[in-house]
């Protein structure tokens, strides 16, 4: 009898422990997304403060992804990585991971912010499906204080960057590729609004 009660108590404690562990993981995941979203929004605010003309591009785009901090380093062979927040309209729908490998003349390290705008649903879906990759000739428009912007979409995409720190001889976006992950609830809201 005592053994049976002890087993029941241990099972109940295990479930309680697992539930607390799961809640803790969910909270950490939520915090991770919250921090990333806040950093992305702050980065976007800095970009539009520096170059107010960017706001028009944002308002006219179908969607966009903001990478608040991309870290890039290289000596001949280089790499870059960053995490970002994906917006459809101005609503958060997911997160993205950027990876880049590059070869050629490069030396140093750099941190910068990047925003990729999608002109229409087709280009946005291509990104979400993991089919957006920048070739070696891909370029980004560097945001400059108070400058006018005259950037054109190429295959439904335009890219803007803002250097946060560091020095690097080469700042190409060629070789960047992306993964997409929806944020729970955001895709459901997106689907219901489309119906």
N, C-alpha and C. Protein backbone atom coordinates (compact mmCIF):
# COMPACT_ATOMS: atom_id res chain seq x y z
N UNK A 1 0.82 -1.19 0.00
CA UNK A 1 0.00 0.00 0.00
C UNK A 1 0.87 1.26 0.00
N UNK A 2 1.87 1.25 0.88
CA UNK A 2 2.78 2.40 0.95
C UNK A 2 3.53 2.52 -0.36
N UNK A 3 3.95 1.37 -0.91
CA UNK A 3 4.68 1.38 -2.17
C UNK A 3 3.81 1.95 -3.28
N UNK A 4 2.53 1.58 -3.33
CA UNK A 4 1.62 2.07 -4.36
C UNK A 4 1.43 3.59 -4.21
N UNK A 5 1.25 4.06 -2.98
CA UNK A 5 1.10 5.51 -2.75
C UNK A 5 2.38 6.25 -3.09
N UNK A 6 3.52 5.63 -2.77
CA UNK A 6 4.81 6.23 -3.10
C UNK A 6 4.98 6.35 -4.60
N UNK A 7 4.60 5.28 -5.34
CA UNK A 7 4.69 5.30 -6.80
C UNK A 7 3.80 6.41 -7.37
N UNK A 8 2.56 6.51 -6.84
CA UNK A 8 1.63 7.54 -7.32
C UNK A 8 2.21 8.93 -7.05
N UNK A 9 2.79 9.10 -5.89
CA UNK A 9 3.39 10.40 -5.52
C UNK A 9 4.55 10.74 -6.44
N UNK A 10 5.38 9.74 -6.74
CA UNK A 10 6.51 9.96 -7.64
C UNK A 10 6.05 10.30 -9.05
N UNK A 11 5.01 9.60 -9.52
CA UNK A 11 4.47 9.88 -10.85
C UNK A 11 3.90 11.29 -10.88
N UNK A 12 3.14 11.66 -9.86
CA UNK A 12 2.56 13.01 -9.79
C UNK A 12 3.67 14.05 -9.76
N UNK A 13 4.71 13.79 -8.97
CA UNK A 13 5.84 14.73 -8.88
C UNK A 13 6.55 14.85 -10.23
N UNK A 14 6.67 13.71 -10.93
CA UNK A 14 7.30 13.74 -12.25
C UNK A 14 6.51 14.60 -13.22
N UNK A 15 5.18 14.40 -13.24
CA UNK A 15 4.33 15.21 -14.13
C UNK A 15 4.42 16.69 -13.78
N UNK A 16 4.39 16.97 -12.46
CA UNK A 16 4.49 18.36 -12.01
C UNK A 16 5.84 18.95 -12.43
N UNK A 17 6.91 18.17 -12.22
CA UNK A 17 8.25 18.63 -12.62
C UNK A 17 8.33 18.88 -14.11
N UNK A 18 7.76 17.95 -14.91
CA UNK A 18 7.76 18.12 -16.37
C UNK A 18 6.96 19.35 -16.77
N UNK A 19 5.82 19.55 -16.11
CA UNK A 19 4.98 20.72 -16.43
C UNK A 19 5.72 22.01 -16.13
N UNK A 20 6.36 22.06 -14.96
CA UNK A 20 7.12 23.26 -14.60
C UNK A 20 8.26 23.47 -15.58
N UNK A 21 8.95 22.38 -15.96
CA UNK A 21 10.05 22.47 -16.92
C UNK A 21 9.53 22.97 -18.26
N UNK A 22 8.38 22.44 -18.70
CA UNK A 22 7.79 22.88 -19.98
C UNK A 22 7.41 24.34 -19.93
N UNK A 23 6.79 24.76 -18.82
CA UNK A 23 6.41 26.18 -18.68
C UNK A 23 7.65 27.06 -18.70
N UNK A 24 8.71 26.58 -18.04
CA UNK A 24 9.96 27.34 -18.01
C UNK A 24 10.52 27.48 -19.42
N UNK A 25 10.50 26.38 -20.19
CA UNK A 25 10.99 26.44 -21.57
C UNK A 25 10.15 27.39 -22.41
N UNK A 26 8.82 27.32 -22.25
CA UNK A 26 7.93 28.21 -23.00
C UNK A 26 8.21 29.66 -22.65
N UNK A 27 8.42 29.92 -21.36
CA UNK A 27 8.71 31.30 -20.94
C UNK A 27 10.02 31.77 -21.54
N UNK A 28 11.04 30.87 -21.53
CA UNK A 28 12.32 31.25 -22.12
C UNK A 28 12.17 31.51 -23.61
N UNK A 29 11.39 30.67 -24.30
CA UNK A 29 11.17 30.85 -25.74
C UNK A 29 10.45 32.18 -25.99
N UNK A 30 9.42 32.46 -25.16
CA UNK A 30 8.70 33.73 -25.30
C UNK A 30 9.61 34.91 -25.05
N UNK A 31 10.47 34.80 -24.02
CA UNK A 31 11.42 35.88 -23.73
C UNK A 31 12.39 36.07 -24.89
N UNK A 32 12.83 34.96 -25.48
CA UNK A 32 13.77 35.03 -26.60
C UNK A 32 13.12 35.79 -27.75
N UNK A 33 11.88 35.44 -28.05
CA UNK A 33 11.18 36.13 -29.13
C UNK A 33 10.93 37.60 -28.78
N UNK A 34 10.56 37.85 -27.52
CA UNK A 34 10.29 39.21 -27.09
C UNK A 34 11.52 40.09 -27.24
N UNK A 35 12.67 39.58 -26.79
CA UNK A 35 13.92 40.35 -26.91
C UNK A 35 14.27 40.60 -28.37
N UNK A 36 14.14 39.57 -29.20
CA UNK A 36 14.46 39.71 -30.62
C UNK A 36 13.54 40.72 -31.29
N UNK A 37 12.25 40.64 -30.98
CA UNK A 37 11.27 41.57 -31.57
C UNK A 37 11.58 43.00 -31.13
N UNK A 38 11.84 43.18 -29.84
CA UNK A 38 12.17 44.53 -29.34
C UNK A 38 13.44 45.07 -29.99
N UNK A 39 14.46 44.23 -30.10
CA UNK A 39 15.72 44.66 -30.74
C UNK A 39 15.50 45.00 -32.21
N UNK A 40 14.65 44.22 -32.88
CA UNK A 40 14.36 44.48 -34.29
C UNK A 40 13.62 45.81 -34.45
N UNK A 41 12.64 46.05 -33.58
CA UNK A 41 11.88 47.30 -33.66
C UNK A 41 12.77 48.51 -33.35
N UNK A 42 13.66 48.35 -32.38
CA UNK A 42 14.59 49.43 -32.03
C UNK A 42 15.55 49.71 -33.19
N UNK A 43 16.03 48.65 -33.81
CA UNK A 43 16.93 48.80 -34.95
C UNK A 43 16.23 49.50 -36.11
N UNK A 44 14.98 49.11 -36.36
CA UNK A 44 14.19 49.73 -37.43
C UNK A 44 13.95 51.22 -37.13
N UNK A 45 13.71 51.53 -35.86
CA UNK A 45 13.53 52.93 -35.47
C UNK A 45 14.79 53.74 -35.74
N UNK A 46 15.96 53.15 -35.41
CA UNK A 46 17.23 53.85 -35.67
C UNK A 46 17.44 54.05 -37.17
N UNK A 47 17.09 53.05 -37.96
CA UNK A 47 17.25 53.15 -39.41
C UNK A 47 16.36 54.26 -39.98
N UNK A 48 15.09 54.30 -39.54
CA UNK A 48 14.18 55.32 -40.08
C UNK A 48 14.51 56.71 -39.54
N UNK A 49 15.07 56.77 -38.32
CA UNK A 49 15.53 58.07 -37.80
C UNK A 49 16.70 58.59 -38.64
N UNK A 50 17.59 57.68 -39.00
CA UNK A 50 18.77 58.06 -39.77
C UNK A 50 18.39 58.43 -41.20
N UNK A 51 17.50 57.64 -41.80
CA UNK A 51 17.07 57.87 -43.19
C UNK A 51 15.55 57.79 -43.24
N UNK A 52 14.85 58.90 -42.97
CA UNK A 52 13.38 58.89 -42.92
C UNK A 52 12.71 58.37 -44.19
N UNK A 53 13.39 58.46 -45.34
CA UNK A 53 12.80 57.98 -46.59
C UNK A 53 12.54 56.47 -46.57
N UNK A 54 13.20 55.75 -45.67
CA UNK A 54 13.00 54.31 -45.56
C UNK A 54 11.56 53.98 -45.17
N UNK A 55 10.93 54.87 -44.40
CA UNK A 55 9.55 54.62 -43.94
C UNK A 55 8.59 54.41 -45.11
N UNK A 56 8.78 55.16 -46.19
CA UNK A 56 7.91 54.99 -47.37
C UNK A 56 8.06 53.59 -47.94
N UNK A 57 9.30 53.10 -48.03
CA UNK A 57 9.54 51.74 -48.53
C UNK A 57 8.85 50.71 -47.63
N UNK A 58 8.97 50.90 -46.32
CA UNK A 58 8.36 49.97 -45.37
C UNK A 58 6.84 49.95 -45.52
N UNK A 59 6.25 51.13 -45.63
CA UNK A 59 4.79 51.24 -45.74
C UNK A 59 4.26 50.63 -47.03
N UNK A 60 5.05 50.69 -48.09
CA UNK A 60 4.59 50.18 -49.39
C UNK A 60 4.94 48.71 -49.62
N UNK A 61 5.75 48.12 -48.74
CA UNK A 61 6.16 46.73 -48.93
C UNK A 61 5.06 45.77 -48.47
N UNK A 62 5.09 44.56 -49.02
CA UNK A 62 4.15 43.52 -48.59
C UNK A 62 4.57 42.98 -47.22
N UNK A 63 5.87 42.88 -47.01
CA UNK A 63 6.42 42.39 -45.76
C UNK A 63 7.91 42.68 -45.71
N UNK A 64 8.52 42.44 -44.57
CA UNK A 64 9.96 42.69 -44.43
C UNK A 64 10.52 41.89 -43.27
N UNK A 65 11.83 41.73 -43.27
CA UNK A 65 12.52 41.06 -42.17
C UNK A 65 13.63 41.99 -41.69
N UNK A 66 13.73 42.14 -40.38
CA UNK A 66 14.74 43.02 -39.77
C UNK A 66 15.72 42.18 -38.97
N UNK A 67 17.01 42.31 -39.32
CA UNK A 67 18.08 41.67 -38.57
C UNK A 67 18.77 42.78 -37.78
N UNK A 68 18.52 42.88 -36.47
CA UNK A 68 19.09 44.00 -35.70
C UNK A 68 20.60 43.95 -35.58
N UNK A 69 21.17 42.74 -35.57
CA UNK A 69 22.62 42.64 -35.43
C UNK A 69 23.14 41.45 -36.22
N UNK A 70 23.83 41.74 -37.30
CA UNK A 70 24.52 40.71 -38.06
C UNK A 70 26.00 40.87 -37.76
N UNK A 71 26.63 39.78 -37.37
CA UNK A 71 28.06 39.82 -37.08
C UNK A 71 28.79 39.16 -38.23
N UNK A 72 29.74 39.91 -38.79
CA UNK A 72 30.48 39.42 -39.96
C UNK A 72 31.97 39.53 -39.66
N UNK A 73 32.72 38.50 -40.02
CA UNK A 73 34.17 38.52 -39.82
C UNK A 73 34.83 37.74 -40.94
N UNK A 74 36.04 38.13 -41.28
CA UNK A 74 36.73 37.39 -42.32
C UNK A 74 38.16 37.84 -42.55
N UNK A 75 38.97 36.88 -42.96
CA UNK A 75 40.31 37.15 -43.48
C UNK A 75 40.42 36.26 -44.71
N UNK A 76 40.09 36.80 -45.87
CA UNK A 76 40.04 36.00 -47.10
C UNK A 76 38.75 35.23 -47.22
N UNK A 77 38.51 34.32 -46.25
CA UNK A 77 37.25 33.59 -46.18
C UNK A 77 36.47 34.20 -45.03
N UNK A 78 35.20 34.49 -45.26
CA UNK A 78 34.43 35.16 -44.23
C UNK A 78 33.10 34.49 -43.99
N UNK A 79 32.45 34.92 -42.94
CA UNK A 79 31.13 34.41 -42.62
C UNK A 79 30.35 35.45 -41.84
N UNK A 80 29.05 35.30 -41.87
CA UNK A 80 28.18 36.21 -41.13
C UNK A 80 26.99 35.42 -40.63
N UNK A 81 26.44 35.88 -39.52
CA UNK A 81 25.25 35.24 -38.96
C UNK A 81 24.43 36.28 -38.21
N UNK A 82 23.13 36.04 -38.15
CA UNK A 82 22.24 36.93 -37.41
C UNK A 82 20.85 36.35 -37.30
N UNK A 83 20.07 36.88 -36.35
CA UNK A 83 18.68 36.47 -36.16
C UNK A 83 17.80 37.69 -36.38
N UNK A 84 16.63 37.47 -36.97
CA UNK A 84 15.75 38.61 -37.26
C UNK A 84 14.29 38.31 -37.02
N UNK A 85 13.50 39.37 -37.12
CA UNK A 85 12.05 39.30 -36.95
C UNK A 85 11.38 39.55 -38.29
N UNK A 86 10.39 38.73 -38.61
CA UNK A 86 9.69 38.83 -39.89
C UNK A 86 8.34 39.50 -39.67
N UNK A 87 8.05 40.50 -40.51
CA UNK A 87 6.80 41.25 -40.42
C UNK A 87 6.02 41.10 -41.73
N UNK A 88 4.72 40.93 -41.63
CA UNK A 88 3.86 41.02 -42.81
C UNK A 88 3.00 42.25 -42.56
N UNK A 89 3.10 43.22 -43.46
CA UNK A 89 2.56 44.53 -43.13
C UNK A 89 3.46 45.04 -42.01
N UNK A 90 2.86 45.40 -40.90
CA UNK A 90 3.68 45.80 -39.74
C UNK A 90 3.45 44.85 -38.57
N UNK A 91 2.88 43.66 -38.86
CA UNK A 91 2.60 42.67 -37.81
C UNK A 91 3.67 41.59 -37.81
N UNK A 92 4.12 41.19 -36.62
CA UNK A 92 5.12 40.12 -36.48
C UNK A 92 4.48 38.78 -36.83
N UNK A 93 5.12 38.03 -37.74
CA UNK A 93 4.62 36.70 -38.10
C UNK A 93 5.64 35.60 -37.88
N UNK A 94 6.92 35.95 -37.68
CA UNK A 94 7.91 34.91 -37.49
C UNK A 94 9.30 35.44 -37.22
N UNK A 95 10.24 34.50 -37.21
CA UNK A 95 11.65 34.84 -37.02
C UNK A 95 12.45 34.24 -38.16
N UNK A 96 13.67 34.72 -38.31
CA UNK A 96 14.53 34.23 -39.39
C UNK A 96 15.96 34.14 -38.90
N UNK A 97 16.70 33.24 -39.51
CA UNK A 97 18.14 33.12 -39.26
C UNK A 97 18.86 33.38 -40.57
N UNK A 98 19.89 34.20 -40.52
CA UNK A 98 20.69 34.52 -41.68
C UNK A 98 22.05 33.86 -41.52
N UNK A 99 22.54 33.26 -42.60
CA UNK A 99 23.90 32.72 -42.62
C UNK A 99 24.53 33.16 -43.93
N UNK A 100 25.82 33.39 -43.89
CA UNK A 100 26.52 33.82 -45.09
C UNK A 100 27.95 33.31 -45.06
N UNK A 101 28.39 32.83 -46.20
CA UNK A 101 29.80 32.48 -46.38
C UNK A 101 30.28 33.26 -47.59
N UNK A 102 31.47 33.82 -47.50
CA UNK A 102 31.99 34.60 -48.63
C UNK A 102 33.48 34.37 -48.78
N UNK A 103 33.94 34.54 -50.02
CA UNK A 103 35.35 34.35 -50.35
C UNK A 103 35.83 35.57 -51.10
N UNK A 104 37.13 35.83 -51.06
CA UNK A 104 37.66 36.96 -51.80
C UNK A 104 38.29 37.99 -50.89
N UNK A 105 38.47 39.20 -51.41
CA UNK A 105 39.15 40.26 -50.70
C UNK A 105 38.31 40.78 -49.54
N UNK A 106 38.66 40.41 -48.33
CA UNK A 106 37.97 40.89 -47.15
C UNK A 106 38.89 40.76 -45.95
N UNK A 107 38.78 41.69 -45.05
CA UNK A 107 39.63 41.69 -43.86
C UNK A 107 38.93 42.48 -42.78
N UNK A 108 38.78 41.89 -41.60
CA UNK A 108 38.22 42.62 -40.49
C UNK A 108 36.95 42.01 -39.96
N UNK A 109 36.27 42.81 -39.14
CA UNK A 109 35.02 42.37 -38.54
C UNK A 109 34.06 43.54 -38.52
N UNK A 110 32.77 43.22 -38.45
CA UNK A 110 31.77 44.27 -38.55
C UNK A 110 30.46 43.78 -37.95
N UNK A 111 29.71 44.72 -37.38
CA UNK A 111 28.35 44.43 -36.98
C UNK A 111 27.46 45.45 -37.68
N UNK A 112 26.38 44.96 -38.24
CA UNK A 112 25.47 45.87 -38.92
C UNK A 112 24.05 45.36 -38.82
N UNK A 113 23.10 46.24 -39.10
CA UNK A 113 21.69 45.89 -39.14
C UNK A 113 21.28 45.79 -40.60
N UNK A 114 20.30 44.96 -40.86
CA UNK A 114 19.84 44.78 -42.25
C UNK A 114 18.33 44.64 -42.26
N UNK A 115 17.69 45.27 -43.22
CA UNK A 115 16.26 45.08 -43.44
C UNK A 115 16.05 44.69 -44.89
N UNK A 116 15.32 43.61 -45.09
CA UNK A 116 15.00 43.11 -46.43
C UNK A 116 13.51 43.33 -46.64
N UNK A 117 13.16 44.04 -47.71
CA UNK A 117 11.76 44.33 -48.00
C UNK A 117 11.28 43.49 -49.18
N UNK A 118 10.05 43.04 -49.08
CA UNK A 118 9.44 42.22 -50.12
C UNK A 118 8.32 43.01 -50.77
N UNK A 119 8.39 43.12 -52.08
CA UNK A 119 7.44 43.95 -52.83
C UNK A 119 6.04 43.36 -52.86
N UNK A 120 5.96 42.02 -52.93
CA UNK A 120 4.65 41.38 -53.11
C UNK A 120 4.61 40.03 -52.40
N UNK A 121 3.44 39.41 -52.45
CA UNK A 121 3.25 38.13 -51.77
C UNK A 121 4.17 37.04 -52.34
N UNK A 122 4.39 37.05 -53.65
CA UNK A 122 5.23 36.03 -54.29
C UNK A 122 6.66 36.05 -53.72
N UNK A 123 7.26 37.24 -53.63
CA UNK A 123 8.63 37.33 -53.11
C UNK A 123 8.67 36.99 -51.61
N UNK A 124 7.62 37.37 -50.89
CA UNK A 124 7.54 37.07 -49.46
C UNK A 124 7.44 35.56 -49.24
N UNK A 125 6.62 34.88 -50.03
CA UNK A 125 6.48 33.42 -49.92
C UNK A 125 7.78 32.71 -50.28
N UNK A 126 8.47 33.23 -51.29
CA UNK A 126 9.76 32.65 -51.68
C UNK A 126 10.73 32.68 -50.49
N UNK A 127 10.74 33.79 -49.76
CA UNK A 127 11.57 33.91 -48.55
C UNK A 127 11.11 32.91 -47.49
N UNK A 128 9.80 32.88 -47.20
CA UNK A 128 9.29 31.99 -46.15
C UNK A 128 9.52 30.52 -46.48
N UNK A 129 9.54 30.18 -47.75
CA UNK A 129 9.78 28.80 -48.16
C UNK A 129 11.26 28.43 -48.18
N UNK A 130 12.13 29.37 -47.84
CA UNK A 130 13.57 29.10 -47.79
C UNK A 130 14.25 29.17 -49.15
N UNK A 131 13.60 29.82 -50.12
CA UNK A 131 14.15 29.88 -51.47
C UNK A 131 14.83 31.20 -51.81
N UNK A 132 15.03 32.07 -50.82
CA UNK A 132 15.71 33.34 -51.08
C UNK A 132 17.19 33.18 -50.73
N UNK A 133 18.03 33.36 -51.73
CA UNK A 133 19.48 33.33 -51.54
C UNK A 133 20.05 34.43 -52.41
N UNK A 134 20.99 35.18 -51.87
CA UNK A 134 21.60 36.26 -52.65
C UNK A 134 22.84 35.75 -53.36
N UNK A 135 22.91 36.02 -54.68
CA UNK A 135 24.09 35.60 -55.43
C UNK A 135 25.25 36.56 -55.18
N UNK A 136 26.39 36.24 -55.75
CA UNK A 136 27.63 36.99 -55.49
C UNK A 136 27.52 38.47 -55.86
N UNK A 137 26.67 38.82 -56.82
CA UNK A 137 26.55 40.21 -57.27
C UNK A 137 25.53 41.02 -56.45
N UNK A 138 24.85 40.38 -55.52
CA UNK A 138 23.80 41.08 -54.75
C UNK A 138 24.40 42.22 -53.94
N UNK A 139 23.68 43.33 -53.91
CA UNK A 139 24.16 44.49 -53.15
C UNK A 139 23.03 45.03 -52.28
N UNK A 140 23.43 45.79 -51.30
CA UNK A 140 22.48 46.44 -50.40
C UNK A 140 22.71 47.94 -50.46
N UNK A 141 21.68 48.69 -50.15
CA UNK A 141 21.79 50.15 -50.08
C UNK A 141 22.17 50.51 -48.65
N UNK A 142 23.30 51.20 -48.49
CA UNK A 142 23.74 51.63 -47.16
C UNK A 142 22.97 52.89 -46.77
N UNK A 143 22.35 52.84 -45.60
CA UNK A 143 21.58 54.00 -45.13
C UNK A 143 22.53 55.08 -44.64
N UNK A 144 22.28 56.31 -45.09
CA UNK A 144 23.11 57.45 -44.68
C UNK A 144 22.20 58.52 -44.09
N UNK A 145 22.74 59.24 -43.14
CA UNK A 145 21.95 60.24 -42.42
C UNK A 145 21.29 61.23 -43.38
N UNK A 146 19.95 61.26 -43.33
CA UNK A 146 19.17 62.24 -44.08
C UNK A 146 19.17 62.04 -45.59
N UNK A 147 19.79 60.97 -46.09
CA UNK A 147 19.89 60.78 -47.54
C UNK A 147 18.55 60.38 -48.14
N UNK A 148 18.34 60.78 -49.38
CA UNK A 148 17.17 60.32 -50.13
C UNK A 148 17.46 58.90 -50.59
N UNK A 149 16.42 58.12 -50.77
CA UNK A 149 16.62 56.75 -51.23
C UNK A 149 16.04 56.59 -52.63
N UNK A 150 16.82 55.98 -53.48
CA UNK A 150 16.36 55.71 -54.83
C UNK A 150 16.75 54.27 -55.16
N UNK A 151 16.18 53.34 -54.40
CA UNK A 151 16.52 51.93 -54.58
C UNK A 151 15.42 51.22 -55.35
N UNK A 152 15.82 50.25 -56.15
CA UNK A 152 14.85 49.49 -56.95
C UNK A 152 14.78 48.06 -56.43
N UNK A 153 13.59 47.49 -56.50
CA UNK A 153 13.42 46.08 -56.17
C UNK A 153 14.04 45.25 -57.28
N UNK A 154 14.72 44.18 -56.87
CA UNK A 154 15.26 43.23 -57.84
C UNK A 154 14.66 41.87 -57.49
N UNK A 155 13.92 41.29 -58.41
CA UNK A 155 13.18 40.04 -58.17
C UNK A 155 12.30 40.16 -56.93
N UNK A 156 11.69 41.34 -56.76
CA UNK A 156 10.74 41.56 -55.68
C UNK A 156 11.36 41.84 -54.32
N UNK A 157 12.69 42.09 -54.29
CA UNK A 157 13.40 42.28 -53.01
C UNK A 157 14.31 43.50 -53.09
N UNK A 158 14.36 44.28 -52.00
CA UNK A 158 15.34 45.35 -51.87
C UNK A 158 15.92 45.27 -50.45
N UNK A 159 17.23 45.55 -50.32
CA UNK A 159 17.92 45.38 -49.04
C UNK A 159 18.60 46.68 -48.63
N UNK A 160 18.43 47.04 -47.34
CA UNK A 160 19.09 48.21 -46.77
C UNK A 160 19.91 47.77 -45.57
N UNK A 161 21.09 48.38 -45.40
CA UNK A 161 21.95 48.06 -44.26
C UNK A 161 22.38 49.33 -43.54
N UNK A 162 22.73 49.16 -42.26
CA UNK A 162 23.26 50.26 -41.47
C UNK A 162 24.37 49.70 -40.58
N UNK A 163 25.58 50.22 -40.72
CA UNK A 163 26.72 49.74 -39.94
C UNK A 163 26.56 50.16 -38.49
N UNK A 164 26.75 49.20 -37.58
CA UNK A 164 26.66 49.48 -36.14
C UNK A 164 28.04 49.65 -35.52
N UNK A 165 29.05 49.05 -36.12
CA UNK A 165 30.38 49.18 -35.55
C UNK A 165 31.36 48.27 -36.27
N UNK A 166 32.63 48.57 -36.11
CA UNK A 166 33.67 47.75 -36.72
C UNK A 166 34.05 48.28 -38.09
N UNK A 167 35.11 47.72 -38.62
CA UNK A 167 35.60 48.12 -39.93
C UNK A 167 35.73 46.87 -40.79
N UNK A 168 35.34 46.99 -42.02
CA UNK A 168 35.50 45.87 -42.94
C UNK A 168 35.65 46.42 -44.34
N UNK A 169 36.59 45.86 -45.06
CA UNK A 169 36.85 46.36 -46.41
C UNK A 169 35.72 46.01 -47.36
N UNK A 170 35.10 44.85 -47.16
CA UNK A 170 34.07 44.36 -48.06
C UNK A 170 32.78 44.17 -47.29
N UNK A 171 31.66 44.64 -47.84
CA UNK A 171 30.38 44.52 -47.13
C UNK A 171 29.27 44.00 -48.04
N UNK A 172 29.59 43.05 -48.87
CA UNK A 172 28.61 42.48 -49.81
C UNK A 172 27.64 41.57 -49.08
N UNK A 173 26.42 41.45 -49.62
CA UNK A 173 25.44 40.52 -49.04
C UNK A 173 25.37 39.22 -49.84
N UNK A 174 26.22 39.09 -50.87
CA UNK A 174 26.26 37.88 -51.68
C UNK A 174 26.52 36.65 -50.81
N UNK A 175 25.79 35.58 -51.07
CA UNK A 175 25.97 34.36 -50.31
C UNK A 175 25.06 34.24 -49.10
N UNK A 176 24.28 35.28 -48.80
CA UNK A 176 23.35 35.17 -47.67
C UNK A 176 22.22 34.22 -48.03
N UNK A 177 21.85 33.38 -47.07
CA UNK A 177 20.65 32.57 -47.22
C UNK A 177 19.94 32.54 -45.86
N UNK A 178 18.66 32.18 -45.89
CA UNK A 178 17.80 32.42 -44.74
C UNK A 178 16.93 31.21 -44.41
N UNK A 179 16.59 31.10 -43.14
CA UNK A 179 15.57 30.14 -42.72
C UNK A 179 14.44 30.95 -42.09
N UNK A 180 13.25 30.39 -42.09
CA UNK A 180 12.07 31.07 -41.55
C UNK A 180 11.36 30.15 -40.58
N UNK A 181 10.90 30.73 -39.46
CA UNK A 181 10.11 29.99 -38.50
C UNK A 181 8.96 30.88 -38.06
N UNK A 182 7.73 30.37 -38.19
CA UNK A 182 6.58 31.18 -37.77
C UNK A 182 6.53 31.22 -36.25
N UNK A 183 5.98 32.29 -35.72
CA UNK A 183 5.77 32.40 -34.28
C UNK A 183 4.37 31.87 -34.02
N UNK A 184 4.24 30.97 -33.05
CA UNK A 184 2.94 30.35 -32.74
C UNK A 184 1.86 31.40 -32.59
N UNK A 185 0.76 31.20 -33.29
CA UNK A 185 -0.36 32.14 -33.22
C UNK A 185 -0.32 33.15 -34.33
N UNK A 186 0.88 33.55 -34.78
CA UNK A 186 0.99 34.58 -35.82
C UNK A 186 0.48 34.05 -37.15
N UNK A 187 0.84 32.79 -37.48
CA UNK A 187 0.39 32.20 -38.75
C UNK A 187 -1.11 32.01 -38.75
N UNK A 188 -1.67 31.62 -37.59
CA UNK A 188 -3.11 31.43 -37.49
C UNK A 188 -3.83 32.74 -37.74
N UNK A 189 -3.31 33.81 -37.13
CA UNK A 189 -3.92 35.13 -37.31
C UNK A 189 -3.81 35.56 -38.76
N UNK A 190 -2.66 35.26 -39.38
CA UNK A 190 -2.44 35.63 -40.78
C UNK A 190 -3.44 34.90 -41.67
N UNK A 191 -3.65 33.59 -41.40
CA UNK A 191 -4.56 32.79 -42.22
C UNK A 191 -5.99 33.29 -42.06
N UNK A 192 -6.42 33.58 -40.80
CA UNK A 192 -7.79 34.04 -40.61
C UNK A 192 -8.03 35.40 -41.23
N UNK A 193 -7.02 36.28 -41.22
CA UNK A 193 -7.21 37.60 -41.83
C UNK A 193 -7.28 37.50 -43.34
N UNK A 194 -6.69 36.45 -43.91
CA UNK A 194 -6.72 36.28 -45.37
C UNK A 194 -8.07 35.72 -45.82
N UNK A 195 -8.84 35.09 -44.91
CA UNK A 195 -10.12 34.50 -45.30
C UNK A 195 -11.23 35.51 -45.35
